Amino acid sequence: MKRIVIFASGSGTNAENIIKYFQFTQTAIVTRVLSNNERAKVFDRCKGLKISFLHFKKDSFSTSDEILNLLKKEADYIVLAGFLWKVPSKIVTAFPNKIINIHPALLPKYGGKGMYGMHVHKAVKENNEKETGITIHYVNEKYDEGAIIFQEKIAISSEDTPEIIAQKVHLLEYKYFPKVIEEVILKNE
């Protein structure tokens, strides 16, 4: 059984969904959740699900090897579920094609630094897009430029607000993210 460590920065709904999904498979188990936000709601979700969690500061992530060493001990795969920092190249190098991220748009549109959450949905609305969706991709040294694993589209109307667009995208995330993670793991076996 493979081990997954999840990085999250916020409420943790995707992290919770992934944890619950893998509780009922023989493919993988989530061993820990890491967050750069000490007030992240994901920690409350971890307590309820009896999953280990850890808050870390930027220096232990980017300049020291503290987080890298923890990952080498506890992870076969890393999943970014609403994690907003760029992953340092030393971690990307240590886990080639083993770091998976989800983006709330159809990349390459609306990707890059600062394009997360409602920023993406507002941009989609302002540009009068007829569809949006999710992109699940591998992580490399640049924001949202890793190889695309999976995309799913959903239609949006001119009446949809950024909040409604966000709701539609979240439904896609919950439906597909855990399954695609599992497919990646099974493909690599």
N, C-alpha and C. Protein backbone atom coordinates (compact mmCIF):
# COMPACT_ATOMS: atom_id res chain seq x y z
N MET A 1 0.85 -1.18 0.00
CA MET A 1 0.00 0.00 0.00
C MET A 1 0.89 1.24 0.00
N LYS A 2 0.62 2.15 -0.91
CA LYS A 2 1.41 3.37 -1.03
C LYS A 2 0.97 4.40 0.02
N ARG A 3 1.91 5.28 0.33
CA ARG A 3 1.66 6.31 1.35
C ARG A 3 1.55 7.68 0.69
N ILE A 4 0.54 8.44 1.10
CA ILE A 4 0.30 9.78 0.57
C ILE A 4 0.43 10.79 1.70
N VAL A 5 1.17 11.87 1.43
CA VAL A 5 1.17 13.03 2.32
C VAL A 5 0.50 14.15 1.54
N ILE A 6 -0.45 14.81 2.19
CA ILE A 6 -1.21 15.90 1.57
C ILE A 6 -0.70 17.22 2.12
N PHE A 7 -0.51 18.18 1.22
CA PHE A 7 -0.25 19.57 1.60
C PHE A 7 -1.52 20.37 1.36
N ALA A 8 -1.94 21.16 2.35
CA ALA A 8 -3.14 21.99 2.24
C ALA A 8 -2.90 23.30 2.98
N SER A 9 -3.56 24.36 2.53
CA SER A 9 -3.40 25.66 3.18
C SER A 9 -4.68 26.21 3.77
N GLY A 10 -5.81 25.61 3.46
CA GLY A 10 -7.08 26.23 3.84
C GLY A 10 -8.05 25.33 4.55
N SER A 11 -9.28 25.29 4.02
CA SER A 11 -10.36 24.59 4.71
C SER A 11 -10.20 23.08 4.70
N GLY A 12 -9.58 22.55 3.66
CA GLY A 12 -9.29 21.12 3.65
C GLY A 12 -10.39 20.22 3.15
N THR A 13 -11.34 20.74 2.39
CA THR A 13 -12.41 19.88 1.90
C THR A 13 -11.88 18.83 0.92
N ASN A 14 -10.97 19.23 0.05
CA ASN A 14 -10.38 18.24 -0.86
C ASN A 14 -9.53 17.23 -0.10
N ALA A 15 -8.77 17.70 0.89
CA ALA A 15 -7.96 16.78 1.70
C ALA A 15 -8.86 15.76 2.39
N GLU A 16 -9.94 16.22 2.99
CA GLU A 16 -10.87 15.31 3.66
C GLU A 16 -11.44 14.29 2.68
N ASN A 17 -11.83 14.75 1.51
CA ASN A 17 -12.39 13.87 0.49
C ASN A 17 -11.38 12.79 0.09
N ILE A 18 -10.13 13.17 -0.07
CA ILE A 18 -9.07 12.22 -0.44
C ILE A 18 -8.83 11.22 0.69
N ILE A 19 -8.75 11.72 1.91
CA ILE A 19 -8.53 10.84 3.07
C ILE A 19 -9.65 9.80 3.15
N LYS A 20 -10.89 10.24 3.05
CA LYS A 20 -12.03 9.32 3.14
C LYS A 20 -12.02 8.31 1.99
N TYR A 21 -11.70 8.77 0.80
CA TYR A 21 -11.67 7.88 -0.35
C TYR A 21 -10.68 6.74 -0.13
N PHE A 22 -9.47 7.06 0.32
CA PHE A 22 -8.44 6.03 0.45
C PHE A 22 -8.61 5.17 1.70
N GLN A 23 -9.50 5.53 2.60
CA GLN A 23 -9.80 4.65 3.73
C GLN A 23 -10.48 3.37 3.26
N PHE A 24 -11.03 3.38 2.07
CA PHE A 24 -11.78 2.24 1.57
C PHE A 24 -11.12 1.59 0.35
N THR A 25 -9.82 1.78 0.20
CA THR A 25 -9.10 1.14 -0.90
C THR A 25 -7.90 0.38 -0.34
N GLN A 26 -7.35 -0.45 -1.17
CA GLN A 26 -6.09 -1.13 -0.83
C GLN A 26 -4.92 -0.50 -1.58
N THR A 27 -5.18 0.60 -2.24
CA THR A 27 -4.16 1.25 -3.07
C THR A 27 -3.20 2.09 -2.26
N ALA A 28 -3.76 2.93 -1.37
CA ALA A 28 -2.92 3.89 -0.64
C ALA A 28 -3.61 4.31 0.65
N ILE A 29 -2.82 4.96 1.48
CA ILE A 29 -3.33 5.52 2.73
C ILE A 29 -2.69 6.89 2.92
N VAL A 30 -3.47 7.83 3.42
CA VAL A 30 -2.93 9.15 3.74
C VAL A 30 -2.27 9.05 5.11
N THR A 31 -0.98 9.34 5.16
CA THR A 31 -0.23 9.20 6.41
C THR A 31 -0.18 10.49 7.21
N ARG A 32 -0.27 11.63 6.52
CA ARG A 32 -0.15 12.90 7.22
C ARG A 32 -0.63 14.03 6.33
N VAL A 33 -1.05 15.12 6.98
CA VAL A 33 -1.38 16.37 6.29
C VAL A 33 -0.43 17.45 6.81
N LEU A 34 0.15 18.19 5.89
CA LEU A 34 1.06 19.28 6.23
C LEU A 34 0.46 20.60 5.78
N SER A 35 0.64 21.64 6.58
CA SER A 35 0.13 22.95 6.19
C SER A 35 1.08 24.06 6.62
N ASN A 36 1.15 25.07 5.78
CA ASN A 36 1.91 26.27 6.09
C ASN A 36 1.07 27.28 6.86
N ASN A 37 -0.20 26.99 7.08
CA ASN A 37 -1.13 27.91 7.74
C ASN A 37 -1.52 27.31 9.09
N GLU A 38 -1.03 27.90 10.17
CA GLU A 38 -1.29 27.32 11.49
C GLU A 38 -2.76 27.38 11.88
N ARG A 39 -3.56 28.21 11.22
CA ARG A 39 -5.00 28.30 11.52
C ARG A 39 -5.86 27.61 10.45
N ALA A 40 -5.25 26.81 9.64
CA ALA A 40 -5.98 26.12 8.57
C ALA A 40 -7.05 25.21 9.16
N LYS A 41 -8.22 25.27 8.60
CA LYS A 41 -9.33 24.42 9.06
C LYS A 41 -9.08 22.94 8.76
N VAL A 42 -8.14 22.66 7.86
CA VAL A 42 -7.82 21.28 7.55
C VAL A 42 -7.38 20.53 8.80
N PHE A 43 -6.78 21.21 9.78
CA PHE A 43 -6.34 20.54 11.00
C PHE A 43 -7.53 20.00 11.79
N ASP A 44 -8.64 20.75 11.83
CA ASP A 44 -9.84 20.26 12.50
C ASP A 44 -10.37 19.01 11.80
N ARG A 45 -10.32 19.00 10.49
CA ARG A 45 -10.76 17.83 9.74
C ARG A 45 -9.86 16.63 10.05
N CYS A 46 -8.55 16.87 10.15
CA CYS A 46 -7.61 15.79 10.47
C CYS A 46 -7.89 15.19 11.84
N LYS A 47 -8.19 16.04 12.81
CA LYS A 47 -8.51 15.54 14.16
C LYS A 47 -9.71 14.60 14.10
N GLY A 48 -10.74 15.02 13.38
CA GLY A 48 -11.94 14.20 13.27
C GLY A 48 -11.70 12.89 12.54
N LEU A 49 -10.75 12.89 11.62
CA LEU A 49 -10.44 11.69 10.83
C LEU A 49 -9.28 10.88 11.39
N LYS A 50 -8.73 11.37 12.51
CA LYS A 50 -7.59 10.70 13.17
C LYS A 50 -6.38 10.56 12.23
N ILE A 51 -6.07 11.66 11.55
CA ILE A 51 -4.91 11.73 10.65
C ILE A 51 -3.88 12.67 11.26
N SER A 52 -2.63 12.26 11.26
CA SER A 52 -1.56 13.11 11.77
C SER A 52 -1.43 14.36 10.92
N PHE A 53 -1.09 15.46 11.56
CA PHE A 53 -0.92 16.71 10.84
C PHE A 53 0.21 17.51 11.45
N LEU A 54 0.72 18.44 10.66
CA LEU A 54 1.86 19.24 11.09
C LEU A 54 1.81 20.61 10.42
N HIS A 55 2.01 21.64 11.22
CA HIS A 55 2.19 22.98 10.69
C HIS A 55 3.69 23.21 10.53
N PHE A 56 4.09 23.83 9.44
CA PHE A 56 5.50 24.12 9.24
C PHE A 56 5.68 25.55 8.75
N LYS A 57 6.86 26.05 8.98
CA LYS A 57 7.20 27.42 8.55
C LYS A 57 8.01 27.36 7.26
N LYS A 58 8.10 28.49 6.60
CA LYS A 58 8.73 28.56 5.28
C LYS A 58 10.17 28.05 5.28
N ASP A 59 10.95 28.37 6.30
CA ASP A 59 12.36 27.96 6.28
C ASP A 59 12.51 26.44 6.36
N SER A 60 11.63 25.75 7.09
CA SER A 60 11.73 24.29 7.17
C SER A 60 11.30 23.64 5.86
N PHE A 61 10.59 24.40 5.04
CA PHE A 61 10.12 23.91 3.74
C PHE A 61 11.13 24.21 2.64
N SER A 62 11.61 25.43 2.60
CA SER A 62 12.41 25.85 1.45
C SER A 62 13.92 25.84 1.67
N THR A 63 14.38 26.18 2.86
CA THR A 63 15.83 26.30 3.04
C THR A 63 16.44 25.13 3.81
N SER A 64 15.72 24.57 4.75
CA SER A 64 16.28 23.40 5.46
C SER A 64 15.73 22.12 4.83
N ASP A 65 16.20 20.99 5.30
CA ASP A 65 15.73 19.70 4.78
C ASP A 65 14.71 19.03 5.70
N GLU A 66 14.18 19.77 6.66
CA GLU A 66 13.26 19.18 7.64
C GLU A 66 12.05 18.51 6.96
N ILE A 67 11.36 19.24 6.10
CA ILE A 67 10.17 18.69 5.45
C ILE A 67 10.57 17.62 4.43
N LEU A 68 11.63 17.84 3.69
CA LEU A 68 12.10 16.83 2.74
C LEU A 68 12.40 15.52 3.45
N ASN A 69 13.06 15.56 4.57
CA ASN A 69 13.38 14.34 5.32
C ASN A 69 12.12 13.65 5.82
N LEU A 70 11.16 14.42 6.29
CA LEU A 70 9.88 13.85 6.73
C LEU A 70 9.20 13.15 5.55
N LEU A 71 9.18 13.80 4.41
CA LEU A 71 8.54 13.22 3.23
C LEU A 71 9.22 11.92 2.80
N LYS A 72 10.53 11.90 2.84
CA LYS A 72 11.25 10.68 2.46
C LYS A 72 10.90 9.50 3.37
N LYS A 73 10.56 9.79 4.63
CA LYS A 73 10.19 8.74 5.59
C LYS A 73 8.72 8.33 5.47
N GLU A 74 7.85 9.27 5.08
CA GLU A 74 6.40 9.02 5.19
C GLU A 74 5.63 9.02 3.89
N ALA A 75 6.25 9.35 2.76
CA ALA A 75 5.46 9.52 1.52
C ALA A 75 6.05 8.75 0.35
N ASP A 76 5.15 8.13 -0.40
CA ASP A 76 5.48 7.64 -1.73
C ASP A 76 4.97 8.64 -2.77
N TYR A 77 3.88 9.32 -2.41
CA TYR A 77 3.26 10.35 -3.26
C TYR A 77 2.93 11.56 -2.41
N ILE A 78 2.97 12.71 -3.04
CA ILE A 78 2.59 13.97 -2.40
C ILE A 78 1.43 14.54 -3.20
N VAL A 79 0.39 14.98 -2.49
CA VAL A 79 -0.77 15.57 -3.13
C VAL A 79 -0.95 16.99 -2.60
N LEU A 80 -1.06 17.94 -3.51
CA LEU A 80 -1.34 19.32 -3.15
C LEU A 80 -2.83 19.55 -3.31
N ALA A 81 -3.48 19.86 -2.21
CA ALA A 81 -4.94 20.06 -2.21
C ALA A 81 -5.22 21.44 -1.62
N GLY A 82 -5.11 22.45 -2.47
CA GLY A 82 -5.29 23.81 -1.99
C GLY A 82 -4.06 24.34 -1.28
N PHE A 83 -2.91 23.91 -1.72
CA PHE A 83 -1.65 24.38 -1.14
C PHE A 83 -1.10 25.47 -2.05
N LEU A 84 -0.73 26.62 -1.48
CA LEU A 84 -0.47 27.80 -2.29
C LEU A 84 1.00 28.14 -2.52
N TRP A 85 1.91 27.48 -1.85
CA TRP A 85 3.33 27.78 -2.06
C TRP A 85 3.90 26.95 -3.19
N LYS A 86 4.92 27.51 -3.83
CA LYS A 86 5.65 26.76 -4.84
C LYS A 86 6.50 25.70 -4.14
N VAL A 87 6.50 24.50 -4.67
CA VAL A 87 7.25 23.40 -4.08
C VAL A 87 8.73 23.57 -4.45
N PRO A 88 9.63 23.55 -3.45
CA PRO A 88 11.06 23.71 -3.74
C PRO A 88 11.58 22.62 -4.67
N SER A 89 12.56 22.98 -5.49
CA SER A 89 13.08 22.04 -6.49
C SER A 89 13.67 20.79 -5.84
N LYS A 90 14.21 20.91 -4.62
CA LYS A 90 14.78 19.71 -3.98
C LYS A 90 13.70 18.66 -3.69
N ILE A 91 12.48 19.10 -3.40
CA ILE A 91 11.38 18.15 -3.17
C ILE A 91 10.89 17.61 -4.51
N VAL A 92 10.77 18.48 -5.51
CA VAL A 92 10.35 18.03 -6.85
C VAL A 92 11.34 16.98 -7.38
N THR A 93 12.63 17.22 -7.19
CA THR A 93 13.66 16.30 -7.65
C THR A 93 13.60 14.96 -6.91
N ALA A 94 13.30 15.01 -5.61
CA ALA A 94 13.23 13.79 -4.81
C ALA A 94 11.99 12.94 -5.12
N PHE A 95 10.95 13.56 -5.67
CA PHE A 95 9.69 12.86 -5.96
C PHE A 95 9.26 13.11 -7.41
N PRO A 96 10.05 12.66 -8.38
CA PRO A 96 9.70 12.92 -9.79
C PRO A 96 8.41 12.20 -10.18
N ASN A 97 7.50 12.96 -10.76
CA ASN A 97 6.18 12.44 -11.16
C ASN A 97 5.45 11.75 -10.01
N LYS A 98 5.68 12.23 -8.82
CA LYS A 98 5.01 11.69 -7.63
C LYS A 98 4.34 12.81 -6.82
N ILE A 99 4.34 14.03 -7.37
CA ILE A 99 3.68 15.17 -6.72
C ILE A 99 2.54 15.59 -7.64
N ILE A 100 1.32 15.54 -7.11
CA ILE A 100 0.12 15.77 -7.91
C ILE A 100 -0.63 16.97 -7.33
N ASN A 101 -1.03 17.87 -8.23
CA ASN A 101 -1.76 19.07 -7.83
C ASN A 101 -3.08 19.14 -8.60
N ILE A 102 -4.02 19.86 -8.01
CA ILE A 102 -5.27 20.16 -8.72
C ILE A 102 -5.38 21.66 -8.87
N HIS A 103 -5.83 22.08 -10.05
CA HIS A 103 -6.00 23.51 -10.33
C HIS A 103 -7.44 23.74 -10.77
N PRO A 104 -8.07 24.81 -10.25
CA PRO A 104 -9.50 25.04 -10.53
C PRO A 104 -9.77 25.76 -11.84
N ALA A 105 -9.09 25.35 -12.90
CA ALA A 105 -9.32 25.90 -14.24
C ALA A 105 -8.72 24.92 -15.24
N LEU A 106 -8.99 25.20 -16.50
CA LEU A 106 -8.45 24.38 -17.56
C LEU A 106 -7.11 24.98 -17.99
N LEU A 107 -6.04 24.43 -17.44
CA LEU A 107 -4.72 24.95 -17.79
C LEU A 107 -4.47 24.70 -19.27
N PRO A 108 -3.72 25.55 -19.95
CA PRO A 108 -2.85 26.56 -19.40
C PRO A 108 -3.50 27.89 -19.07
N LYS A 109 -4.79 28.06 -19.36
CA LYS A 109 -5.45 29.31 -18.99
C LYS A 109 -5.55 29.43 -17.46
N TYR A 110 -5.43 30.64 -16.98
CA TYR A 110 -5.69 30.97 -15.56
C TYR A 110 -4.80 30.23 -14.58
N GLY A 111 -3.56 30.00 -14.98
CA GLY A 111 -2.59 29.38 -14.09
C GLY A 111 -1.50 30.36 -13.72
N GLY A 112 -0.62 29.92 -12.86
CA GLY A 112 0.53 30.73 -12.47
C GLY A 112 0.40 31.31 -11.08
N LYS A 113 1.42 32.05 -10.68
CA LYS A 113 1.47 32.63 -9.34
C LYS A 113 0.27 33.55 -9.12
N GLY A 114 -0.38 33.39 -7.99
CA GLY A 114 -1.52 34.23 -7.63
C GLY A 114 -2.85 33.75 -8.20
N MET A 115 -2.82 32.75 -9.06
CA MET A 115 -4.06 32.24 -9.64
C MET A 115 -4.53 31.02 -8.87
N TYR A 116 -5.33 31.28 -7.85
CA TYR A 116 -5.89 30.23 -7.02
C TYR A 116 -7.26 30.68 -6.53
N GLY A 117 -8.07 29.71 -6.14
CA GLY A 117 -9.38 29.98 -5.54
C GLY A 117 -10.22 30.95 -6.34
N MET A 118 -10.79 31.92 -5.63
CA MET A 118 -11.72 32.87 -6.26
C MET A 118 -11.04 33.76 -7.29
N HIS A 119 -9.73 33.94 -7.20
CA HIS A 119 -9.03 34.73 -8.23
C HIS A 119 -9.24 34.08 -9.60
N VAL A 120 -9.18 32.77 -9.64
CA VAL A 120 -9.38 32.04 -10.90
C VAL A 120 -10.82 32.19 -11.37
N HIS A 121 -11.77 31.97 -10.48
CA HIS A 121 -13.18 32.00 -10.87
C HIS A 121 -13.61 33.41 -11.31
N LYS A 122 -13.08 34.43 -10.67
CA LYS A 122 -13.37 35.82 -11.09
C LYS A 122 -12.80 36.09 -12.47
N ALA A 123 -11.59 35.60 -12.74
CA ALA A 123 -10.97 35.80 -14.05
C ALA A 123 -11.77 35.07 -15.14
N VAL A 124 -12.21 33.87 -14.85
CA VAL A 124 -13.03 33.11 -15.79
C VAL A 124 -14.31 33.89 -16.10
N LYS A 125 -14.95 34.43 -15.09
CA LYS A 125 -16.19 35.20 -15.26
C LYS A 125 -15.92 36.48 -16.06
N GLU A 126 -14.87 37.21 -15.69
CA GLU A 126 -14.56 38.48 -16.36
C GLU A 126 -14.24 38.28 -17.84
N ASN A 127 -13.73 37.12 -18.21
CA ASN A 127 -13.40 36.84 -19.60
C ASN A 127 -14.53 36.16 -20.36
N ASN A 128 -15.69 36.09 -19.72
CA ASN A 128 -16.89 35.55 -20.36
C ASN A 128 -16.68 34.16 -20.96
N GLU A 129 -15.96 33.33 -20.23
CA GLU A 129 -15.73 31.96 -20.69
C GLU A 129 -17.06 31.20 -20.71
N LYS A 130 -17.15 30.26 -21.63
CA LYS A 130 -18.36 29.42 -21.75
C LYS A 130 -18.19 28.11 -20.98
N GLU A 131 -16.95 27.81 -20.62
CA GLU A 131 -16.68 26.60 -19.84
C GLU A 131 -15.47 26.83 -18.96
N THR A 132 -15.40 26.03 -17.93
CA THR A 132 -14.23 25.99 -17.06
C THR A 132 -14.08 24.54 -16.64
N GLY A 133 -13.31 24.30 -15.60
CA GLY A 133 -13.16 22.93 -15.17
C GLY A 133 -12.00 22.76 -14.21
N ILE A 134 -11.45 21.58 -14.20
CA ILE A 134 -10.31 21.27 -13.33
C ILE A 134 -9.18 20.69 -14.17
N THR A 135 -7.98 20.91 -13.68
CA THR A 135 -6.80 20.28 -14.25
C THR A 135 -6.03 19.61 -13.13
N ILE A 136 -5.78 18.34 -13.28
CA ILE A 136 -4.93 17.61 -12.34
C ILE A 136 -3.61 17.40 -13.07
N HIS A 137 -2.51 17.81 -12.42
CA HIS A 137 -1.23 17.78 -13.11
C HIS A 137 -0.10 17.44 -12.15
N TYR A 138 1.01 17.00 -12.75
CA TYR A 138 2.23 16.79 -11.96
C TYR A 138 2.82 18.15 -11.63
N VAL A 139 3.54 18.21 -10.53
CA VAL A 139 4.18 19.45 -10.11
C VAL A 139 5.63 19.44 -10.58
N ASN A 140 6.03 20.57 -11.14
CA ASN A 140 7.44 20.78 -11.46
C ASN A 140 7.90 22.07 -10.77
N GLU A 141 9.00 22.65 -11.21
CA GLU A 141 9.56 23.81 -10.53
C GLU A 141 8.81 25.11 -10.81
N LYS A 142 7.83 25.10 -11.70
CA LYS A 142 7.08 26.31 -12.05
C LYS A 142 5.60 26.13 -11.70
N TYR A 143 4.97 27.22 -11.31
CA TYR A 143 3.55 27.17 -10.97
C TYR A 143 2.72 26.66 -12.15
N ASP A 144 1.97 25.61 -11.92
CA ASP A 144 0.94 25.13 -12.85
C ASP A 144 1.46 24.78 -14.25
N GLU A 145 2.73 24.39 -14.36
CA GLU A 145 3.28 24.05 -15.67
C GLU A 145 3.68 22.59 -15.81
N GLY A 146 3.42 21.78 -14.79
CA GLY A 146 3.74 20.35 -14.88
C GLY A 146 2.82 19.65 -15.86
N ALA A 147 3.24 18.49 -16.30
CA ALA A 147 2.47 17.72 -17.29
C ALA A 147 1.05 17.45 -16.79
N ILE A 148 0.10 17.65 -17.69
CA ILE A 148 -1.31 17.44 -17.36
C ILE A 148 -1.61 15.95 -17.33
N ILE A 149 -2.27 15.54 -16.26
CA ILE A 149 -2.70 14.15 -16.09
C ILE A 149 -4.15 13.98 -16.55
N PHE A 150 -5.00 14.97 -16.19
CA PHE A 150 -6.44 14.83 -16.40
C PHE A 150 -7.08 16.21 -16.41
N GLN A 151 -8.08 16.38 -17.27
CA GLN A 151 -8.91 17.59 -17.25
C GLN A 151 -10.37 17.19 -17.40
N GLU A 152 -11.22 17.96 -16.78
CA GLU A 152 -12.66 17.77 -16.94
C GLU A 152 -13.29 19.15 -17.06
N LYS A 153 -14.20 19.30 -18.01
CA LYS A 153 -14.83 20.59 -18.29
C LYS A 153 -16.26 20.61 -17.75
N ILE A 154 -16.71 21.83 -17.51
CA ILE A 154 -18.11 22.04 -17.16
C ILE A 154 -18.56 23.36 -17.79
N ALA A 155 -19.78 23.36 -18.30
CA ALA A 155 -20.32 24.57 -18.92
C ALA A 155 -20.68 25.60 -17.85
N ILE A 156 -20.49 26.85 -18.20
CA ILE A 156 -20.94 27.94 -17.33
C ILE A 156 -21.75 28.91 -18.17
N SER A 157 -22.67 29.58 -17.52
CA SER A 157 -23.53 30.53 -18.24
C SER A 157 -23.16 31.95 -17.86
N SER A 158 -23.65 32.88 -18.64
CA SER A 158 -23.37 34.30 -18.38
C SER A 158 -23.98 34.76 -17.06
N GLU A 159 -24.97 34.03 -16.56
CA GLU A 159 -25.60 34.39 -15.28
C GLU A 159 -24.82 33.87 -14.08
N ASP A 160 -23.92 32.93 -14.30
CA ASP A 160 -23.16 32.35 -13.18
C ASP A 160 -22.24 33.39 -12.56
N THR A 161 -22.30 33.50 -11.24
CA THR A 161 -21.39 34.36 -10.50
C THR A 161 -20.09 33.59 -10.25
N PRO A 162 -19.02 34.28 -9.84
CA PRO A 162 -17.81 33.54 -9.48
C PRO A 162 -18.07 32.51 -8.38
N GLU A 163 -18.98 32.79 -7.49
CA GLU A 163 -19.31 31.84 -6.42
C GLU A 163 -19.98 30.59 -6.97
N ILE A 164 -20.87 30.76 -7.93
CA ILE A 164 -21.53 29.60 -8.56
C ILE A 164 -20.51 28.81 -9.37
N ILE A 165 -19.63 29.52 -10.07
CA ILE A 165 -18.57 28.84 -10.82
C ILE A 165 -17.72 28.01 -9.85
N ALA A 166 -17.38 28.60 -8.71
CA ALA A 166 -16.59 27.88 -7.70
C ALA A 166 -17.31 26.61 -7.25
N GLN A 167 -18.61 26.70 -7.02
CA GLN A 167 -19.37 25.52 -6.59
C GLN A 167 -19.32 24.42 -7.65
N LYS A 168 -19.48 24.80 -8.90
CA LYS A 168 -19.44 23.82 -9.99
C LYS A 168 -18.07 23.15 -10.07
N VAL A 169 -17.01 23.94 -9.91
CA VAL A 169 -15.65 23.41 -9.98
C VAL A 169 -15.38 22.49 -8.79
N HIS A 170 -15.85 22.88 -7.60
CA HIS A 170 -15.65 22.03 -6.41
C HIS A 170 -16.28 20.65 -6.61
N LEU A 171 -17.44 20.60 -7.23
CA LEU A 171 -18.08 19.30 -7.47
C LEU A 171 -17.21 18.42 -8.36
N LEU A 172 -16.59 19.02 -9.36
CA LEU A 172 -15.67 18.26 -10.21
C LEU A 172 -14.47 17.77 -9.41
N GLU A 173 -13.92 18.65 -8.57
CA GLU A 173 -12.77 18.28 -7.75
C GLU A 173 -13.10 17.08 -6.88
N TYR A 174 -14.21 17.13 -6.18
CA TYR A 174 -14.58 16.05 -5.27
C TYR A 174 -14.81 14.74 -6.02
N LYS A 175 -15.40 14.83 -7.21
CA LYS A 175 -15.71 13.63 -7.98
C LYS A 175 -14.45 12.97 -8.55
N TYR A 176 -13.52 13.78 -9.07
CA TYR A 176 -12.41 13.21 -9.84
C TYR A 176 -11.06 13.14 -9.14
N PHE A 177 -10.75 14.05 -8.23
CA PHE A 177 -9.38 14.11 -7.71
C PHE A 177 -8.93 12.80 -7.06
N PRO A 178 -9.69 12.23 -6.11
CA PRO A 178 -9.21 10.97 -5.51
C PRO A 178 -9.06 9.84 -6.52
N LYS A 179 -10.00 9.74 -7.46
CA LYS A 179 -9.94 8.67 -8.47
C LYS A 179 -8.72 8.80 -9.36
N VAL A 180 -8.40 10.03 -9.75
CA VAL A 180 -7.24 10.24 -10.62
C VAL A 180 -5.95 9.95 -9.86
N ILE A 181 -5.88 10.34 -8.60
CA ILE A 181 -4.71 10.00 -7.78
C ILE A 181 -4.52 8.49 -7.76
N GLU A 182 -5.61 7.76 -7.52
CA GLU A 182 -5.53 6.31 -7.48
C GLU A 182 -5.08 5.74 -8.82
N GLU A 183 -5.60 6.28 -9.91
CA GLU A 183 -5.19 5.81 -11.24
C GLU A 183 -3.70 6.02 -11.47
N VAL A 184 -3.18 7.16 -11.04
CA VAL A 184 -1.74 7.43 -11.18
C VAL A 184 -0.93 6.40 -10.41
N ILE A 185 -1.35 6.13 -9.17
CA ILE A 185 -0.63 5.16 -8.35
C ILE A 185 -0.67 3.77 -8.98
N LEU A 186 -1.83 3.35 -9.43
CA LEU A 186 -1.97 2.01 -10.03
C LEU A 186 -1.17 1.90 -11.32
N LYS A 187 -1.13 2.97 -12.09
CA LYS A 187 -0.39 2.98 -13.35
C LYS A 187 1.12 2.82 -13.09
N ASN A 188 1.58 3.36 -11.98
CA ASN A 188 3.01 3.32 -11.67
C ASN A 188 3.44 2.03 -10.97
N GLU A 189 2.50 1.16 -10.67
CA GLU A 189 2.84 -0.09 -9.98
C GLU A 189 3.51 -1.08 -10.91
